């Protein structure tokens, strides 16, 4: 797993990788594709969240793009809950882990190829070495796995 400034000072246990997808309105011109690349969404606006860690934002926006261009600016979100409304209205598309579009019938997801997956991980403070944390880590490794539908 690559280093992430947001996890500096934490003990990180990688559990599994989750593919990234593009979430878009069901009626979007790209909605019926088998897969997409960053070139396919090169001009699609992507929502922004103020005050987020720049490394986190860069990962989820795939910014900069392989050709060096920045990800297109999209609407500014005031809350994460607004994200799906912006997508459904056609104002933006978003890169997310697989599975979230199933929450709404007006959204769909298309696999995004050519980008690294996201890693689902358990992060704890290094000083937390007690049995409860150790047992939780073992249970997470055993039971927190990707679902077959993803």
Protein backbone atom coordinates (compact mmCIF):
# COMPACT_ATOMS: atom_id res chain seq x y z
CA UNK A 1 0.00 0.00 0.00
CA UNK A 2 1.43 3.39 -0.87
CA UNK A 3 2.19 5.94 1.82
CA UNK A 4 -0.61 8.34 2.66
CA UNK A 5 0.02 11.49 4.70
CA UNK A 6 -3.39 11.08 6.35
CA UNK A 7 -2.18 7.81 7.93
CA UNK A 8 1.20 9.04 9.18
CA UNK A 9 1.55 8.03 12.81
CA UNK A 10 -1.05 5.27 12.55
CA UNK A 11 -0.73 1.52 12.37
CA UNK A 12 -2.49 0.56 9.12
CA UNK A 13 -3.74 -2.93 8.28
CA UNK A 14 -4.75 -3.24 4.61
CA UNK A 15 -7.80 -5.50 4.27
CA UNK A 16 -8.57 -5.57 0.55
CA UNK A 17 -8.60 -3.46 -2.59
CA UNK A 18 -11.83 -2.03 -3.94
CA UNK A 19 -12.13 -1.09 -7.63
CA UNK A 20 -13.00 2.49 -8.47
CA UNK A 21 -15.94 3.34 -10.69
CA UNK A 22 -17.45 6.44 -12.24
CA UNK A 23 -20.87 7.24 -10.80
CA UNK A 24 -23.12 9.13 -13.20
CA UNK A 25 -26.78 9.71 -13.95
CA UNK A 26 -28.52 6.68 -15.47
CA UNK A 27 -29.37 8.76 -18.57
CA UNK A 28 -25.76 10.00 -19.08
CA UNK A 29 -24.20 9.39 -22.53
CA UNK A 30 -21.52 7.14 -20.91
CA UNK A 31 -23.93 5.15 -18.72
CA UNK A 32 -24.19 2.11 -21.00
CA UNK A 33 -20.45 1.57 -21.44
CA UNK A 34 -18.75 -1.61 -20.20
CA UNK A 35 -15.89 0.46 -18.75
CA UNK A 36 -14.39 3.95 -18.84
CA UNK A 37 -10.95 5.51 -18.72
CA UNK A 38 -9.86 8.94 -17.52
CA UNK A 39 -9.84 10.05 -21.16
CA UNK A 40 -13.56 9.25 -21.37
CA UNK A 41 -14.34 11.59 -18.48
CA UNK A 42 -11.63 14.17 -19.26
CA UNK A 43 -14.13 17.03 -19.61
CA UNK A 44 -16.72 15.89 -17.07
CA UNK A 45 -17.02 18.24 -14.08
CA UNK A 46 -16.21 16.65 -10.73
CA UNK A 47 -17.51 17.99 -7.40
CA UNK A 48 -15.11 19.57 -4.89
CA UNK A 49 -15.22 19.51 -1.10
CA UNK A 50 -13.64 22.46 0.67
CA UNK A 51 -11.07 21.80 3.35
CA UNK A 52 -10.25 18.17 2.53
CA UNK A 53 -6.74 16.74 2.62
CA UNK A 54 -5.11 17.55 -0.76
CA UNK A 55 -3.73 14.01 -1.14
CA UNK A 56 -7.21 12.56 -0.50
CA UNK A 57 -8.81 14.93 -3.01
CA UNK A 58 -6.12 14.19 -5.59
CA UNK A 59 -6.69 10.43 -5.28
CA UNK A 60 -10.48 10.63 -5.68
CA UNK A 61 -10.33 13.19 -8.50
CA UNK A 62 -7.51 11.30 -10.26
CA UNK A 63 -5.74 14.65 -10.32
CA UNK A 64 -3.59 15.36 -12.18
CA UNK A 65 -4.61 13.16 -15.08
CA UNK A 66 -2.00 11.00 -16.85
CA UNK A 67 -1.62 13.65 -19.56
CA UNK A 68 -0.81 16.25 -16.87
CA UNK A 69 -4.10 18.13 -17.10
CA UNK A 70 -5.98 18.85 -13.89
CA UNK A 71 -9.30 17.17 -13.21
CA UNK A 72 -12.14 19.45 -14.38
CA UNK A 73 -13.60 21.69 -11.71
CA UNK A 74 -17.16 20.98 -10.76
CA UNK A 75 -19.66 22.29 -8.26
CA UNK A 76 -18.51 22.95 -4.72
CA UNK A 77 -20.16 20.64 -2.22
CA UNK A 78 -21.23 21.91 1.15
CA UNK A 79 -21.89 18.38 2.37
CA UNK A 80 -21.15 14.87 1.20
CA UNK A 81 -24.90 14.21 1.09
CA UNK A 82 -25.22 16.73 -1.77
CA UNK A 83 -22.90 14.63 -3.96
CA UNK A 84 -25.57 12.22 -5.20
CA UNK A 85 -28.01 15.07 -5.91
CA UNK A 86 -25.40 16.84 -8.07
CA UNK A 87 -24.70 13.63 -9.98
CA UNK A 88 -28.38 12.81 -10.50
CA UNK A 89 -29.04 16.32 -11.80
CA UNK A 90 -26.26 15.90 -14.39
CA UNK A 91 -24.04 18.64 -12.91
CA UNK A 92 -21.10 16.31 -12.21
CA UNK A 93 -19.76 12.77 -12.21
CA UNK A 94 -17.69 11.27 -9.42
CA UNK A 95 -15.09 8.55 -8.90
CA UNK A 96 -15.99 6.29 -5.98
CA UNK A 97 -15.54 2.73 -4.73
CA UNK A 98 -17.81 0.23 -6.45
CA UNK A 99 -21.30 -0.33 -5.06
CA UNK A 100 -22.63 3.08 -4.08
CA UNK A 101 -24.74 3.77 -7.20
CA UNK A 102 -26.96 0.84 -6.27
CA UNK A 103 -28.33 3.05 -3.48
CA UNK A 104 -30.30 5.12 -6.01
CA UNK A 105 -32.25 4.08 -9.11
CA UNK A 106 -31.35 7.33 -10.95
CA UNK A 107 -27.60 6.64 -10.76
CA UNK A 108 -25.36 4.04 -12.33
CA UNK A 109 -21.70 3.13 -12.09
CA UNK A 110 -19.24 2.13 -14.78
CA UNK A 111 -15.88 0.49 -13.94
CA UNK A 112 -12.94 2.89 -14.29
CA UNK A 113 -9.87 1.29 -15.84
CA UNK A 114 -6.33 2.61 -15.71
CA UNK A 115 -6.50 3.85 -12.11
CA UNK A 116 -5.33 2.18 -8.94
CA UNK A 117 -8.04 0.70 -6.73
CA UNK A 118 -8.71 2.12 -3.30
CA UNK A 119 -7.59 0.12 -0.29
CA UNK A 120 -9.99 -0.65 2.53
CA UNK A 121 -7.92 -0.55 5.69
CA UNK A 122 -8.11 -0.52 9.45
CA UNK A 123 -6.11 2.26 11.10
CA UNK A 124 -5.29 2.32 14.81
CA UNK A 125 -2.95 4.25 17.04
CA UNK A 126 0.37 2.39 17.35
CA UNK A 127 0.13 2.51 21.13
CA UNK A 128 -3.14 0.54 21.01
CA UNK A 129 -1.76 -2.96 21.50
CA UNK A 130 -4.40 -4.34 23.82
CA UNK A 131 -6.33 -7.53 23.25
CA UNK A 132 -9.51 -5.75 22.12
CA UNK A 133 -7.70 -3.97 19.26
CA UNK A 134 -5.73 -7.10 18.39
CA UNK A 135 -8.91 -9.22 18.31
CA UNK A 136 -10.74 -6.60 16.24
CA UNK A 137 -7.87 -6.51 13.73
CA UNK A 138 -7.98 -10.33 13.41
CA UNK A 139 -11.77 -10.29 12.94
CA UNK A 140 -11.50 -7.52 10.35
CA UNK A 141 -8.90 -9.48 8.39
CA UNK A 142 -11.11 -12.55 8.42
CA UNK A 143 -14.57 -11.09 7.77
CA UNK A 144 -14.16 -7.72 6.07
CA UNK A 145 -13.71 -8.82 2.49
CA UNK A 146 -15.12 -7.49 -0.76
CA UNK A 147 -18.62 -8.65 -1.58
CA UNK A 148 -18.99 -10.93 -4.61
CA UNK A 149 -21.09 -8.30 -6.43
CA UNK A 150 -18.18 -5.85 -6.48
